[in-house]
Amino acid sequence: MTNSQEKTITIDERIEQAREAAHQAGETFGKTSPEFAVAMETLEELHQEAGHQRSAKPQNSLERYCDDNPDAQECLLYDT
């Protein structure tokens, strides 16, 4: 396969792979082993990255404008 033909792996697929690897490490080496600890740490980091990706919502042009100009009339919020 060339680079353009390779399948892109999503973060959810990587999490599933890491979960399986952690499960295998736990069964093979025991849940107190360094191998299991590394596998669990990898899984935790992937979960954190997935959370960051979900929360990193791109801003639209009005949101960017209001970040730069919070006192502009278009950006004022009123309580009703």
PDB file of N, CA and C in Angstrom:
ATOM      1  N   MET A   1       0.816  -1.178   0.000  1.00  0.00           N
ATOM      2  CA  MET A   1       0.000   0.000   0.000  1.00  0.00           C
ATOM      3  C   MET A   1       0.865   1.250   0.000  1.00  0.00           C
ATOM      4  N   THR A   2       0.458   2.221  -0.740  1.00  0.00           N
ATOM      5  CA  THR A   2       1.169   3.495  -0.710  1.00  0.00           C
ATOM      6  C   THR A   2       0.567   4.363   0.378  1.00  0.00           C
ATOM      7  N   ASN A   3       1.217   5.477   0.684  1.00  0.00           N
ATOM      8  CA  ASN A   3       0.729   6.348   1.741  1.00  0.00           C
ATOM      9  C   ASN A   3      -0.682   6.849   1.469  1.00  0.00           C
ATOM     10  N   SER A   4      -1.011   7.124   0.222  1.00  0.00           N
ATOM     11  CA  SER A   4      -2.341   7.634  -0.089  1.00  0.00           C
ATOM     12  C   SER A   4      -3.405   6.548   0.027  1.00  0.00           C
ATOM     13  N   GLN A   5      -3.017   5.283   0.006  1.00  0.00           N
ATOM     14  CA  GLN A   5      -3.966   4.186   0.088  1.00  0.00           C
ATOM     15  C   GLN A   5      -4.126   3.641   1.505  1.00  0.00           C
ATOM     16  N   GLU A   6      -3.265   4.056   2.429  1.00  0.00           N
ATOM     17  CA  GLU A   6      -3.345   3.550   3.794  1.00  0.00           C
ATOM     18  C   GLU A   6      -4.610   4.054   4.464  1.00  0.00           C
ATOM     19  N   LYS A   7      -5.195   3.192   5.268  1.00  0.00           N
ATOM     20  CA  LYS A   7      -6.403   3.557   5.995  1.00  0.00           C
ATOM     21  C   LYS A   7      -6.020   4.427   7.189  1.00  0.00           C
ATOM     22  N   THR A   8      -6.730   5.510   7.365  1.00  0.00           N
ATOM     23  CA  THR A   8      -6.514   6.375   8.512  1.00  0.00           C
ATOM     24  C   THR A   8      -7.232   5.773   9.713  1.00  0.00           C
ATOM     25  N   ILE A   9      -6.513   5.626  10.794  1.00  0.00           N
ATOM     26  CA  ILE A   9      -7.081   5.035  12.002  1.00  0.00           C
ATOM     27  C   ILE A   9      -7.635   6.156  12.874  1.00  0.00           C
ATOM     28  N   THR A  10      -8.881   6.036  13.273  1.00  0.00           N
ATOM     29  CA  THR A  10      -9.490   7.047  14.131  1.00  0.00           C
ATOM     30  C   THR A  10      -9.032   6.852  15.571  1.00  0.00           C
ATOM     31  N   ILE A  11      -9.246   7.877  16.379  1.00  0.00           N
ATOM     32  CA  ILE A  11      -8.860   7.795  17.781  1.00  0.00           C
ATOM     33  C   ILE A  11      -9.649   6.708  18.491  1.00  0.00           C
ATOM     34  N   ASP A  12     -10.915   6.523  18.099  1.00  0.00           N
ATOM     35  CA  ASP A  12     -11.724   5.471  18.725  1.00  0.00           C
ATOM     36  C   ASP A  12     -11.184   4.085  18.403  1.00  0.00           C
ATOM     37  N   GLU A  13     -10.688   3.893  17.179  1.00  0.00           N
ATOM     38  CA  GLU A  13     -10.084   2.607  16.816  1.00  0.00           C
ATOM     39  C   GLU A  13      -8.788   2.382  17.583  1.00  0.00           C
ATOM     40  N   ARG A  14      -8.016   3.447  17.772  1.00  0.00           N
ATOM     41  CA  ARG A  14      -6.773   3.322  18.547  1.00  0.00           C
ATOM     42  C   ARG A  14      -7.075   3.000  20.003  1.00  0.00           C
ATOM     43  N   ILE A  15      -8.139   3.589  20.541  1.00  0.00           N
ATOM     44  CA  ILE A  15      -8.538   3.282  21.919  1.00  0.00           C
ATOM     45  C   ILE A  15      -8.916   1.818  22.045  1.00  0.00           C
ATOM     46  N   GLU A  16      -9.658   1.317  21.086  1.00  0.00           N
ATOM     47  CA  GLU A  16     -10.053  -0.094  21.120  1.00  0.00           C
ATOM     48  C   GLU A  16      -8.825  -1.007  21.038  1.00  0.00           C
ATOM     49  N   GLN A  17      -7.862  -0.662  20.199  1.00  0.00           N
ATOM     50  CA  GLN A  17      -6.626  -1.447  20.096  1.00  0.00           C
ATOM     51  C   GLN A  17      -5.855  -1.406  21.412  1.00  0.00           C
ATOM     52  N   ALA A  18      -5.783  -0.227  22.023  1.00  0.00           N
ATOM     53  CA  ALA A  18      -5.061  -0.087  23.290  1.00  0.00           C
ATOM     54  C   ALA A  18      -5.773  -0.847  24.406  1.00  0.00           C
ATOM     55  N   ARG A  19      -7.101  -0.848  24.381  1.00  0.00           N
ATOM     56  CA  ARG A  19      -7.869  -1.591  25.376  1.00  0.00           C
ATOM     57  C   ARG A  19      -7.575  -3.087  25.266  1.00  0.00           C
ATOM     58  N   GLU A  20      -7.536  -3.584  24.034  1.00  0.00           N
ATOM     59  CA  GLU A  20      -7.233  -4.999  23.813  1.00  0.00           C
ATOM     60  C   GLU A  20      -5.797  -5.317  24.252  1.00  0.00           C
ATOM     61  N   ALA A  21      -4.865  -4.410  23.947  1.00  0.00           N
ATOM     62  CA  ALA A  21      -3.473  -4.623  24.349  1.00  0.00           C
ATOM     63  C   ALA A  21      -3.346  -4.646  25.873  1.00  0.00           C
ATOM     64  N   ALA A  22      -4.072  -3.777  26.555  1.00  0.00           N
ATOM     65  CA  ALA A  22      -4.040  -3.756  28.020  1.00  0.00           C
ATOM     66  C   ALA A  22      -4.630  -5.042  28.585  1.00  0.00           C
ATOM     67  N   HIS A  23      -5.698  -5.503  27.990  1.00  0.00           N
ATOM     68  CA  HIS A  23      -6.321  -6.755  28.428  1.00  0.00           C
ATOM     69  C   HIS A  23      -5.342  -7.921  28.265  1.00  0.00           C
ATOM     70  N   GLN A  24      -4.684  -7.976  27.113  1.00  0.00           N
ATOM     71  CA  GLN A  24      -3.707  -9.045  26.859  1.00  0.00           C
ATOM     72  C   GLN A  24      -2.528  -8.951  27.827  1.00  0.00           C
ATOM     73  N   ALA A  25      -2.042  -7.736  28.067  1.00  0.00           N
ATOM     74  CA  ALA A  25      -0.917  -7.563  28.993  1.00  0.00           C
ATOM     75  C   ALA A  25      -1.306  -7.995  30.398  1.00  0.00           C
ATOM     76  N   GLY A  26      -2.525  -7.700  30.802  1.00  0.00           N
ATOM     77  CA  GLY A  26      -2.992  -8.108  32.123  1.00  0.00           C
ATOM     78  C   GLY A  26      -3.073  -9.612  32.267  1.00  0.00           C
ATOM     79  N   GLU A  27      -3.552 -10.273  31.221  1.00  0.00           N
ATOM     80  CA  GLU A  27      -3.652 -11.728  31.267  1.00  0.00           C
ATOM     81  C   GLU A  27      -2.287 -12.399  31.169  1.00  0.00           C
ATOM     82  N   THR A  28      -1.399 -11.834  30.357  1.00  0.00           N
ATOM     83  CA  THR A  28      -0.098 -12.453  30.132  1.00  0.00           C
ATOM     84  C   THR A  28       0.883 -12.193  31.273  1.00  0.00           C
ATOM     85  N   PHE A  29       0.968 -10.941  31.707  1.00  0.00           N
ATOM     86  CA  PHE A  29       1.993 -10.549  32.679  1.00  0.00           C
ATOM     87  C   PHE A  29       1.447 -10.301  34.079  1.00  0.00           C
ATOM     88  N   GLY A  30       0.144 -10.207  34.222  1.00  0.00           N
ATOM     89  CA  GLY A  30      -0.454  -9.904  35.518  1.00  0.00           C
ATOM     90  C   GLY A  30      -0.755  -8.414  35.631  1.00  0.00           C
ATOM     91  N   LYS A  31      -1.728  -8.101  36.473  1.00  0.00           N
ATOM     92  CA  LYS A  31      -2.184  -6.716  36.588  1.00  0.00           C
ATOM     93  C   LYS A  31      -1.248  -5.836  37.406  1.00  0.00           C
ATOM     94  N   THR A  32      -0.218  -6.419  38.003  1.00  0.00           N
ATOM     95  CA  THR A  32       0.758  -5.626  38.752  1.00  0.00           C
ATOM     96  C   THR A  32       2.067  -5.476  37.981  1.00  0.00           C
ATOM     97  N   SER A  33       2.099  -5.930  36.742  1.00  0.00           N
ATOM     98  CA  SER A  33       3.334  -5.900  35.959  1.00  0.00           C
ATOM     99  C   SER A  33       3.572  -4.528  35.334  1.00  0.00           C
ATOM    100  N   PRO A  34       4.835  -4.212  35.037  1.00  0.00           N
ATOM    101  CA  PRO A  34       5.147  -2.956  34.338  1.00  0.00           C
ATOM    102  C   PRO A  34       4.517  -2.904  32.946  1.00  0.00           C
ATOM    103  N   GLU A  35       4.419  -4.041  32.285  1.00  0.00           N
ATOM    104  CA  GLU A  35       3.825  -4.085  30.941  1.00  0.00           C
ATOM    105  C   GLU A  35       2.352  -3.661  30.982  1.00  0.00           C
ATOM    106  N   PHE A  36       1.634  -4.139  32.004  1.00  0.00           N
ATOM    107  CA  PHE A  36       0.229  -3.775  32.151  1.00  0.00           C
ATOM    108  C   PHE A  36       0.107  -2.293  32.484  1.00  0.00           C
ATOM    109  N   ALA A  37       0.997  -1.790  33.339  1.00  0.00           N
ATOM    110  CA  ALA A  37       0.964  -0.370  33.708  1.00  0.00           C
ATOM    111  C   ALA A  37       1.171   0.517  32.487  1.00  0.00           C
ATOM    112  N   VAL A  38       2.119   0.145  31.633  1.00  0.00           N
ATOM    113  CA  VAL A  38       2.377   0.923  30.415  1.00  0.00           C
ATOM    114  C   VAL A  38       1.174   0.874  29.480  1.00  0.00           C
ATOM    115  N   ALA A  39       0.582  -0.290  29.337  1.00  0.00           N
ATOM    116  CA  ALA A  39      -0.590  -0.429  28.469  1.00  0.00           C
ATOM    117  C   ALA A  39      -1.760   0.403  28.987  1.00  0.00           C
ATOM    118  N   MET A  40      -1.956   0.424  30.284  1.00  0.00           N
ATOM    119  CA  MET A  40      -3.040   1.215  30.865  1.00  0.00           C
ATOM    120  C   MET A  40      -2.762   2.711  30.735  1.00  0.00           C
ATOM    121  N   GLU A  41      -1.516   3.105  30.885  1.00  0.00           N
ATOM    122  CA  GLU A  41      -1.155   4.517  30.724  1.00  0.00           C
ATOM    123  C   GLU A  41      -1.394   4.968  29.281  1.00  0.00           C
ATOM    124  N   THR A  42      -1.054   4.113  28.340  1.00  0.00           N
ATOM    125  CA  THR A  42      -1.303   4.421  26.932  1.00  0.00           C
ATOM    126  C   THR A  42      -2.793   4.580  26.682  1.00  0.00           C
ATOM    127  N   LEU A  43      -3.587   3.697  27.234  1.00  0.00           N
ATOM    128  CA  LEU A  43      -5.039   3.767  27.084  1.00  0.00           C
ATOM    129  C   LEU A  43      -5.582   5.058  27.692  1.00  0.00           C
ATOM    130  N   GLU A  44      -5.098   5.416  28.860  1.00  0.00           N
ATOM    131  CA  GLU A  44      -5.546   6.645  29.516  1.00  0.00           C
ATOM    132  C   GLU A  44      -5.192   7.881  28.691  1.00  0.00           C
ATOM    133  N   GLU A  45      -3.994   7.909  28.135  1.00  0.00           N
ATOM    134  CA  GLU A  45      -3.578   9.049  27.309  1.00  0.00           C
ATOM    135  C   GLU A  45      -4.436   9.164  26.054  1.00  0.00           C
ATOM    136  N   LEU A  46      -4.790   8.033  25.464  1.00  0.00           N
ATOM    137  CA  LEU A  46      -5.663   8.062  24.285  1.00  0.00           C
ATOM    138  C   LEU A  46      -7.048   8.584  24.649  1.00  0.00           C
ATOM    139  N   HIS A  47      -7.559   8.190  25.807  1.00  0.00           N
ATOM    140  CA  HIS A  47      -8.856   8.705  26.262  1.00  0.00           C
ATOM    141  C   HIS A  47      -8.791  10.215  26.467  1.00  0.00           C
ATOM    142  N   GLN A  48      -7.691  10.693  27.047  1.00  0.00           N
ATOM    143  CA  GLN A  48      -7.538  12.129  27.254  1.00  0.00           C
ATOM    144  C   GLN A  48      -7.475  12.873  25.920  1.00  0.00           C
ATOM    145  N   GLU A  49      -6.751  12.339  24.970  1.00  0.00           N
ATOM    146  CA  GLU A  49      -6.651  12.964  23.657  1.00  0.00           C
ATOM    147  C   GLU A  49      -8.005  13.003  22.960  1.00  0.00           C
ATOM    148  N   ALA A  50      -8.773  11.939  23.093  1.00  0.00           N
ATOM    149  CA  ALA A  50     -10.111  11.913  22.498  1.00  0.00           C
ATOM    150  C   ALA A  50     -10.980  13.008  23.111  1.00  0.00           C
ATOM    151  N   GLY A  51     -10.865  13.195  24.401  1.00  0.00           N
ATOM    152  CA  GLY A  51     -11.606  14.263  25.067  1.00  0.00           C
ATOM    153  C   GLY A  51     -11.192  15.631  24.590  1.00  0.00           C
ATOM    154  N   HIS A  52      -9.887  15.825  24.418  1.00  0.00           N
ATOM    155  CA  HIS A  52      -9.392  17.108  23.913  1.00  0.00           C
ATOM    156  C   HIS A  52      -9.891  17.369  22.497  1.00  0.00           C
ATOM    157  N   GLN A  53      -9.900  16.358  21.678  1.00  0.00           N
ATOM    158  CA  GLN A  53     -10.367  16.526  20.305  1.00  0.00           C
ATOM    159  C   GLN A  53     -11.849  16.861  20.262  1.00  0.00           C
ATOM    160  N   ARG A  54     -12.622  16.270  21.145  1.00  0.00           N
ATOM    161  CA  ARG A  54     -14.058  16.563  21.168  1.00  0.00           C
ATOM    162  C   ARG A  54     -14.332  17.974  21.666  1.00  0.00           C
ATOM    163  N   SER A  55     -13.527  18.444  22.619  1.00  0.00           N
ATOM    164  CA  SER A  55     -13.763  19.768  23.189  1.00  0.00           C
ATOM    165  C   SER A  55     -13.162  20.890  22.348  1.00  0.00           C
ATOM    166  N   ALA A  56     -12.289  20.567  21.434  1.00  0.00           N
ATOM    167  CA  ALA A  56     -11.632  21.580  20.598  1.00  0.00           C
ATOM    168  C   ALA A  56     -12.517  21.924  19.404  1.00  0.00           C
ATOM    169  N   LYS A  57     -13.663  22.519  19.706  1.00  0.00           N
ATOM    170  CA  LYS A  57     -14.617  22.899  18.667  1.00  0.00           C
ATOM    171  C   LYS A  57     -14.069  24.115  17.919  1.00  0.00           C
ATOM    172  N   PRO A  58     -14.023  24.080  16.609  1.00  0.00           N
ATOM    173  CA  PRO A  58     -13.532  25.246  15.870  1.00  0.00           C
ATOM    174  C   PRO A  58     -14.486  26.429  16.034  1.00  0.00           C
ATOM    175  N   GLN A  59     -13.917  27.600  16.122  1.00  0.00           N
ATOM    176  CA  GLN A  59     -14.711  28.801  16.280  1.00  0.00           C
ATOM    177  C   GLN A  59     -15.152  29.335  14.923  1.00  0.00           C
ATOM    178  N   ASN A  60     -16.355  29.911  14.896  1.00  0.00           N
ATOM    179  CA  ASN A  60     -16.781  30.571  13.672  1.00  0.00           C
ATOM    180  C   ASN A  60     -16.254  32.007  13.680  1.00  0.00           C
ATOM    181  N   SER A  61     -16.488  32.743  12.623  1.00  0.00           N
ATOM    182  CA  SER A  61     -15.919  34.080  12.493  1.00  0.00           C
ATOM    183  C   SER A  61     -16.443  35.043  13.563  1.00  0.00           C
ATOM    184  N   LEU A  62     -17.718  34.930  13.956  1.00  0.00           N
ATOM    185  CA  LEU A  62     -18.250  35.807  14.997  1.00  0.00           C
ATOM    186  C   LEU A  62     -17.593  35.512  16.342  1.00  0.00           C
ATOM    187  N   GLU A  63     -17.391  34.241  16.656  1.00  0.00           N
ATOM    188  CA  GLU A  63     -16.734  33.885  17.918  1.00  0.00           C
ATOM    189  C   GLU A  63     -15.307  34.415  17.962  1.00  0.00           C
ATOM    190  N   ARG A  64     -14.587  34.306  16.869  1.00  0.00           N
ATOM    191  CA  ARG A  64     -13.220  34.857  16.817  1.00  0.00           C
ATOM    192  C   ARG A  64     -13.236  36.368  16.983  1.00  0.00           C
ATOM    193  N   TYR A  65     -14.185  37.037  16.307  1.00  0.00           N
ATOM    194  CA  TYR A  65     -14.309  38.495  16.414  1.00  0.00           C
ATOM    195  C   TYR A  65     -14.605  38.891  17.854  1.00  0.00           C
ATOM    196  N   CYS A  66     -15.523  38.195  18.503  1.00  0.00           N
ATOM    197  CA  CYS A  66     -15.891  38.528  19.875  1.00  0.00           C
ATOM    198  C   CYS A  66     -14.770  38.228  20.869  1.00  0.00           C
ATOM    199  N   ASP A  67     -13.953  37.236  20.574  1.00  0.00           N
ATOM    200  CA  ASP A  67     -12.781  36.993  21.419  1.00  0.00           C
ATOM    201  C   ASP A  67     -11.829  38.175  21.359  1.00  0.00           C
ATOM    202  N   ASP A  68     -11.684  38.752  20.168  1.00  0.00           N
ATOM    203  CA  ASP A  68     -10.789  39.899  19.978  1.00  0.00           C
ATOM    204  C   ASP A  68     -11.427  41.215  20.410  1.00  0.00           C
ATOM    205  N   ASN A  69     -12.758  41.301  20.345  1.00  0.00           N
ATOM    206  CA  ASN A  69     -13.481  42.548  20.630  1.00  0.00           C
ATOM    207  C   ASN A  69     -14.674  42.274  21.551  1.00  0.00           C
ATOM    208  N   PRO A  70     -14.442  41.940  22.803  1.00  0.00           N
ATOM    209  CA  PRO A  70     -15.546  41.534  23.676  1.00  0.00           C
ATOM    210  C   PRO A  70     -16.555  42.648  23.958  1.00  0.00           C
ATOM    211  N   ASP A  71     -16.174  43.915  23.785  1.00  0.00           N
ATOM    212  CA  ASP A  71     -17.092  45.021  24.055  1.00  0.00           C
ATOM    213  C   ASP A  71     -17.865  45.470  22.824  1.00  0.00           C
ATOM    214  N   ALA A  72     -17.657  44.832  21.695  1.00  0.00           N
ATOM    215  CA  ALA A  72     -18.383  45.202  20.483  1.00  0.00           C
ATOM    216  C   ALA A  72     -19.868  44.907  20.678  1.00  0.00           C
ATOM    217  N   GLN A  73     -20.720  45.733  20.063  1.00  0.00           N
ATOM    218  CA  GLN A  73     -22.163  45.587  20.238  1.00  0.00           C
ATOM    219  C   GLN A  73     -22.649  44.195  19.837  1.00  0.00           C
ATOM    220  N   GLU A  74     -22.050  43.620  18.807  1.00  0.00           N
ATOM    221  CA  GLU A  74     -22.467  42.300  18.344  1.00  0.00           C
ATOM    222  C   GLU A  74     -22.170  41.201  19.361  1.00  0.00           C
ATOM    223  N   CYS A  75     -21.276  41.491  20.304  1.00  0.00           N
ATOM    224  CA  CYS A  75     -20.802  40.460  21.223  1.00  0.00           C
ATOM    225  C   CYS A  75     -21.398  40.571  22.614  1.00  0.00           C
ATOM    226  N   LEU A  76     -22.170  41.615  22.862  1.00  0.00           N
ATOM    227  CA  LEU A  76     -22.747  41.804  24.179  1.00  0.00           C
ATOM    228  C   LEU A  76     -23.862  40.793  24.419  1.00  0.00           C
ATOM    229  N   LEU A  77     -23.921  40.283  25.623  1.00  0.00           N
ATOM    230  CA  LEU A  77     -24.953  39.330  26.020  1.00  0.00           C
ATOM    231  C   LEU A  77     -25.860  40.011  27.040  1.00  0.00           C
ATOM    232  N   TYR A  78     -27.156  39.815  26.881  1.00  0.00           N
ATOM    233  CA  TYR A  78     -28.128  40.439  27.749  1.00  0.00           C
ATOM    234  C   TYR A  78     -28.915  39.366  28.493  1.00  0.00           C
ATOM    235  N   ASP A  79     -29.178  39.606  29.784  1.00  0.00           N
ATOM    236  CA  ASP A  79     -30.047  38.724  30.565  1.00  0.00           C
ATOM    237  C   ASP A  79     -31.492  39.114  30.268  1.00  0.00           C
ATOM    238  N   THR A  80     -32.351  38.130  30.123  1.00  0.00           N
ATOM    239  CA  THR A  80     -33.757  38.443  29.874  1.00  0.00           C
ATOM    240  C   THR A  80     -34.625  37.995  31.010  1.00  0.00           C
TER     241      THR A  80
END
